[in-house]
């Protein structure tokens, strides 16, 4: 079951107005909080899992285990959620793309963000980071400024 905090956050992500699309996703939870939502398609789910780069050994183990679950078709055992993406949603431009999946930031932090993996118009994989509350939007803007300031010869 989703926590009230997650329900509220997902409601903000869904937006208001007419429904543009419905995204069905499989959930990974940690300590009762939503960590990641994977699309049903295997390739998209595996790409979404790659967004999470754990530091701790236990988290690395669970990430590898999750990758195996997806690879062998066991992700169907995970809880499903259905997001109703509406006109005012920050995901509205991404909603029509196949393979929308996302990783959520720290639920206890003041600047919880959503990192989405989706396909661009040419079919390429894109990552989009979105802040919902003002502090999170400012944090994303600061990160974008820092990335633009990096020398062009840096790769990664």
Protein backbone atom coordinates (compact mmCIF):
# COMPACT_ATOMS: atom_id res chain seq x y z
CA UNK A 1 0.00 0.00 0.00
CA UNK A 2 1.24 3.47 -0.84
CA UNK A 3 1.93 5.87 2.01
CA UNK A 4 -0.13 9.05 2.26
CA UNK A 5 3.01 11.01 1.38
CA UNK A 6 3.41 8.98 -1.84
CA UNK A 7 -0.28 9.30 -2.70
CA UNK A 8 -0.02 13.07 -2.34
CA UNK A 9 3.15 13.25 -4.43
CA UNK A 10 1.68 11.04 -7.18
CA UNK A 11 -1.45 13.17 -7.19
CA UNK A 12 0.71 16.22 -7.90
CA UNK A 13 2.48 14.31 -10.67
CA UNK A 14 -0.87 13.32 -12.22
CA UNK A 15 -1.98 16.95 -12.41
CA UNK A 16 -5.49 18.27 -13.00
CA UNK A 17 -7.87 18.52 -15.94
CA UNK A 18 -8.81 15.98 -18.57
CA UNK A 19 -6.93 12.67 -18.67
CA UNK A 20 -4.32 12.59 -21.45
CA UNK A 21 -3.09 9.04 -20.83
CA UNK A 22 -2.97 6.30 -18.24
CA UNK A 23 0.41 4.82 -17.38
CA UNK A 24 0.48 1.35 -15.79
CA UNK A 25 3.63 0.75 -13.77
CA UNK A 26 5.16 -1.81 -11.41
CA UNK A 27 6.34 -0.47 -8.05
CA UNK A 28 9.47 -1.00 -6.05
CA UNK A 29 9.05 0.10 -2.45
CA UNK A 30 11.57 0.70 0.32
CA UNK A 31 10.49 0.96 3.94
CA UNK A 32 6.93 1.66 2.81
CA UNK A 33 7.87 4.45 0.39
CA UNK A 34 7.71 4.32 -3.39
CA UNK A 35 11.24 4.19 -4.79
CA UNK A 36 10.77 3.35 -8.44
CA UNK A 37 7.98 2.72 -10.95
CA UNK A 38 8.79 0.47 -13.88
CA UNK A 39 6.88 0.21 -17.14
CA UNK A 40 5.48 -3.19 -18.06
CA UNK A 41 7.72 -3.54 -21.14
CA UNK A 42 10.93 -5.46 -20.29
CA UNK A 43 13.38 -3.25 -22.21
CA UNK A 44 11.93 -0.06 -20.73
CA UNK A 45 11.88 -1.55 -17.24
CA UNK A 46 15.52 -2.61 -17.46
CA UNK A 47 16.52 0.86 -18.71
CA UNK A 48 14.56 2.46 -15.85
CA UNK A 49 16.34 0.24 -13.33
CA UNK A 50 19.65 1.55 -14.67
CA UNK A 51 18.73 5.02 -13.36
CA UNK A 52 19.28 3.76 -9.82
CA UNK A 53 22.99 3.66 -8.98
CA UNK A 54 23.17 2.38 -5.39
CA UNK A 55 26.20 2.95 -3.20
CA UNK A 56 25.56 0.43 -0.44
CA UNK A 57 26.20 -3.27 -0.93
CA UNK A 58 22.70 -4.29 0.19
CA UNK A 59 21.09 -1.86 -2.25
CA UNK A 60 23.34 -3.15 -5.04
CA UNK A 61 22.23 -6.70 -4.26
CA UNK A 62 18.54 -5.75 -4.42
CA UNK A 63 19.08 -3.84 -7.65
CA UNK A 64 20.67 -6.89 -9.25
CA UNK A 65 17.86 -9.05 -7.91
CA UNK A 66 15.27 -6.65 -9.35
CA UNK A 67 17.06 -6.74 -12.71
CA UNK A 68 16.81 -10.54 -12.69
CA UNK A 69 13.11 -10.37 -11.79
CA UNK A 70 12.44 -8.09 -14.74
CA UNK A 71 14.65 -10.06 -17.10
CA UNK A 72 12.91 -13.36 -16.27
CA UNK A 73 9.41 -11.86 -16.31
CA UNK A 74 8.79 -11.94 -12.56
CA UNK A 75 8.06 -8.21 -12.27
CA UNK A 76 4.38 -9.13 -12.55
CA UNK A 77 4.59 -10.11 -8.88
CA UNK A 78 5.15 -6.47 -7.94
CA UNK A 79 2.36 -4.10 -7.00
CA UNK A 80 0.88 -2.15 -9.91
CA UNK A 81 -0.15 1.48 -9.98
CA UNK A 82 -2.03 3.33 -12.69
CA UNK A 83 -1.20 7.01 -13.10
CA UNK A 84 -3.81 9.17 -14.77
CA UNK A 85 -1.71 11.79 -16.52
CA UNK A 86 -3.85 14.91 -16.88
CA UNK A 87 -3.50 18.16 -18.83
CA UNK A 88 -1.54 20.04 -16.16
CA UNK A 89 0.81 17.15 -15.29
CA UNK A 90 4.55 17.77 -15.56
CA UNK A 91 4.61 14.39 -17.36
CA UNK A 92 2.05 15.37 -20.01
CA UNK A 93 4.68 15.77 -22.76
CA UNK A 94 6.24 12.43 -21.83
CA UNK A 95 3.02 10.50 -21.30
CA UNK A 96 2.48 9.50 -24.90
CA UNK A 97 5.90 7.91 -25.11
CA UNK A 98 6.24 4.15 -24.71
CA UNK A 99 8.34 3.05 -21.82
CA UNK A 100 7.81 5.84 -19.31
CA UNK A 101 9.36 4.80 -16.00
CA UNK A 102 10.69 6.79 -13.08
CA UNK A 103 12.78 6.91 -9.96
CA UNK A 104 11.65 9.07 -7.05
CA UNK A 105 13.99 11.02 -4.82
CA UNK A 106 14.24 10.81 -1.04
CA UNK A 107 10.72 10.92 0.44
CA UNK A 108 12.07 12.54 3.61
CA UNK A 109 13.95 15.31 1.82
CA UNK A 110 12.62 18.82 1.27
CA UNK A 111 13.28 18.63 -2.48
CA UNK A 112 11.86 15.31 -3.66
CA UNK A 113 12.27 15.01 -7.40
CA UNK A 114 11.24 12.56 -10.07
CA UNK A 115 13.73 11.22 -12.61
CA UNK A 116 11.92 9.91 -15.69
CA UNK A 117 13.20 7.66 -18.42
CA UNK A 118 11.30 7.92 -21.69
CA UNK A 119 11.74 7.80 -25.43
CA UNK A 120 12.23 10.97 -27.45
CA UNK A 121 10.48 11.68 -30.72
CA UNK A 122 13.26 9.94 -32.67
CA UNK A 123 13.04 6.85 -30.43
CA UNK A 124 16.15 7.65 -28.40
CA UNK A 125 16.18 7.16 -24.62
CA UNK A 126 15.99 10.41 -22.64
CA UNK A 127 16.20 11.19 -18.95
CA UNK A 128 14.17 14.10 -17.58
CA UNK A 129 14.43 15.37 -14.00
CA UNK A 130 11.39 17.19 -12.62
CA UNK A 131 10.81 19.07 -9.39
CA UNK A 132 7.22 19.41 -8.19
CA UNK A 133 7.47 21.80 -5.23
CA UNK A 134 9.26 25.14 -5.55
CA UNK A 135 12.36 24.02 -3.63
CA UNK A 136 12.66 20.92 -5.83
CA UNK A 137 12.24 22.98 -9.03
CA UNK A 138 15.00 25.33 -7.84
CA UNK A 139 17.28 22.36 -7.07
CA UNK A 140 16.73 20.96 -10.59
CA UNK A 141 17.42 24.41 -12.11
CA UNK A 142 20.66 24.66 -10.08
CA UNK A 143 21.74 21.20 -11.26
CA UNK A 144 21.02 22.14 -14.89
CA UNK A 145 23.08 25.33 -14.51
CA UNK A 146 25.98 23.35 -13.07
CA UNK A 147 25.84 20.84 -15.95
CA UNK A 148 25.80 23.59 -18.57
CA UNK A 149 28.86 25.15 -16.92
CA UNK A 150 30.96 21.99 -17.37
CA UNK A 151 33.57 21.97 -20.13
CA UNK A 152 32.36 20.31 -23.35
CA UNK A 153 35.26 17.85 -23.43
CA UNK A 154 33.95 16.03 -20.34
CA UNK A 155 31.97 12.92 -21.15
CA UNK A 156 29.61 10.81 -19.10
